Amino acid sequence: MTHEVIRHLLDDYVTGELTEDARSPVADHIAACEICAAEVESLKAILARAADLPKSIDPPAEAWSNIRSAISHLLELLCI
């Protein structure tokens, strides 16, 4: 596999979605390539930070009324 092909596989490598056949050459490349090794560490850090985010966020109580008002305003502007 070429460097460019492997770079496109790094996301799947980090998330564990690569097949075992593909994982081994990617791991070998990462061990020898500083650029890809740094990219893997960056991807792992992003995933770790994302895991700390809340699973859901409750919108503010006024969100739907604000959305309704904005739609009504747009409809008035469009004369619908």
Protein backbone atom coordinates (compact mmCIF):
# COMPACT_ATOMS: atom_id res chain seq x y z
CA MET A 1 0.00 0.00 0.00
CA THR A 2 1.18 3.50 -0.75
CA HIS A 3 1.49 6.29 1.79
CA GLU A 4 -1.55 8.08 0.32
CA VAL A 5 -3.71 4.94 0.48
CA ILE A 6 -2.71 4.36 4.09
CA ARG A 7 -3.44 7.99 5.03
CA HIS A 8 -7.01 7.44 3.87
CA LEU A 9 -7.26 4.37 6.11
CA LEU A 10 -6.04 6.02 9.32
CA ASP A 11 -9.54 6.95 10.53
CA ASP A 12 -10.69 3.36 10.19
CA TYR A 13 -7.46 2.14 11.79
CA VAL A 14 -7.98 4.33 14.86
CA THR A 15 -11.66 3.40 15.24
CA GLY A 16 -10.91 -0.31 14.80
CA GLU A 17 -12.95 -0.64 11.63
CA LEU A 18 -10.18 -2.05 9.43
CA THR A 19 -10.11 -5.73 8.63
CA GLU A 20 -7.24 -7.67 10.16
CA ASP A 21 -5.70 -8.09 6.69
CA ALA A 22 -5.59 -4.32 6.18
CA ARG A 23 -4.67 -3.48 9.77
CA SER A 24 -1.26 -5.14 9.72
CA PRO A 25 0.26 -3.19 6.77
CA VAL A 26 -1.20 0.05 8.13
CA ALA A 27 0.33 -0.61 11.56
CA ASP A 28 3.70 -1.39 9.93
CA HIS A 29 3.54 1.86 7.97
CA ILE A 30 2.61 3.88 11.07
CA ALA A 31 5.60 2.42 12.92
CA ALA A 32 7.91 3.69 10.16
CA CYS A 33 6.21 6.96 9.17
CA GLU A 34 6.37 9.92 11.55
CA ILE A 35 3.68 11.81 9.62
CA CYS A 36 1.14 9.00 9.89
CA ALA A 37 2.10 8.24 13.50
CA ALA A 38 1.42 11.88 14.39
CA GLU A 39 -1.88 11.76 12.51
CA VAL A 40 -2.92 8.63 14.44
CA GLU A 41 -2.11 10.34 17.75
CA SER A 42 -4.11 13.39 16.67
CA LEU A 43 -7.09 11.24 15.70
CA LYS A 44 -6.92 9.39 19.02
CA ALA A 45 -6.88 12.71 20.90
CA ILE A 46 -9.91 13.94 18.94
CA LEU A 47 -11.82 10.75 19.72
CA ALA A 48 -10.92 11.01 23.40
CA ARG A 49 -12.14 14.61 23.55
CA ALA A 50 -15.30 13.70 21.65
CA ALA A 51 -16.01 10.88 24.11
CA ASP A 52 -16.06 13.48 26.90
CA LEU A 53 -18.79 15.51 25.19
CA PRO A 54 -22.36 15.17 26.41
CA LYS A 55 -24.36 12.57 24.48
CA SER A 56 -27.21 15.04 24.00
CA ILE A 57 -27.90 18.68 24.66
CA ASP A 58 -31.31 20.00 25.63
CA PRO A 59 -32.19 23.10 23.63
CA PRO A 60 -33.22 26.23 25.51
CA ALA A 61 -36.92 26.35 26.38
CA GLU A 62 -37.55 29.19 23.93
CA ALA A 63 -35.89 27.46 20.99
CA TRP A 64 -39.07 26.26 19.25
CA SER A 65 -40.90 29.53 19.71
CA ASN A 66 -37.88 31.38 18.26
CA ILE A 67 -37.83 29.00 15.29
CA ARG A 68 -41.58 29.47 14.75
CA SER A 69 -41.17 33.25 14.88
CA ALA A 70 -38.30 33.18 12.39
CA ILE A 71 -40.32 31.03 9.97
CA SER A 72 -43.33 33.32 10.30
CA HIS A 73 -41.13 36.33 9.62
CA LEU A 74 -39.64 34.70 6.52
CA LEU A 75 -43.07 33.77 5.25
CA GLU A 76 -44.22 37.38 5.69
CA LEU A 77 -41.18 38.60 3.75
CA LEU A 78 -41.96 36.14 0.97
CA CYS A 79 -45.64 37.13 1.04
CA ILE A 80 -46.81 33.55 1.49
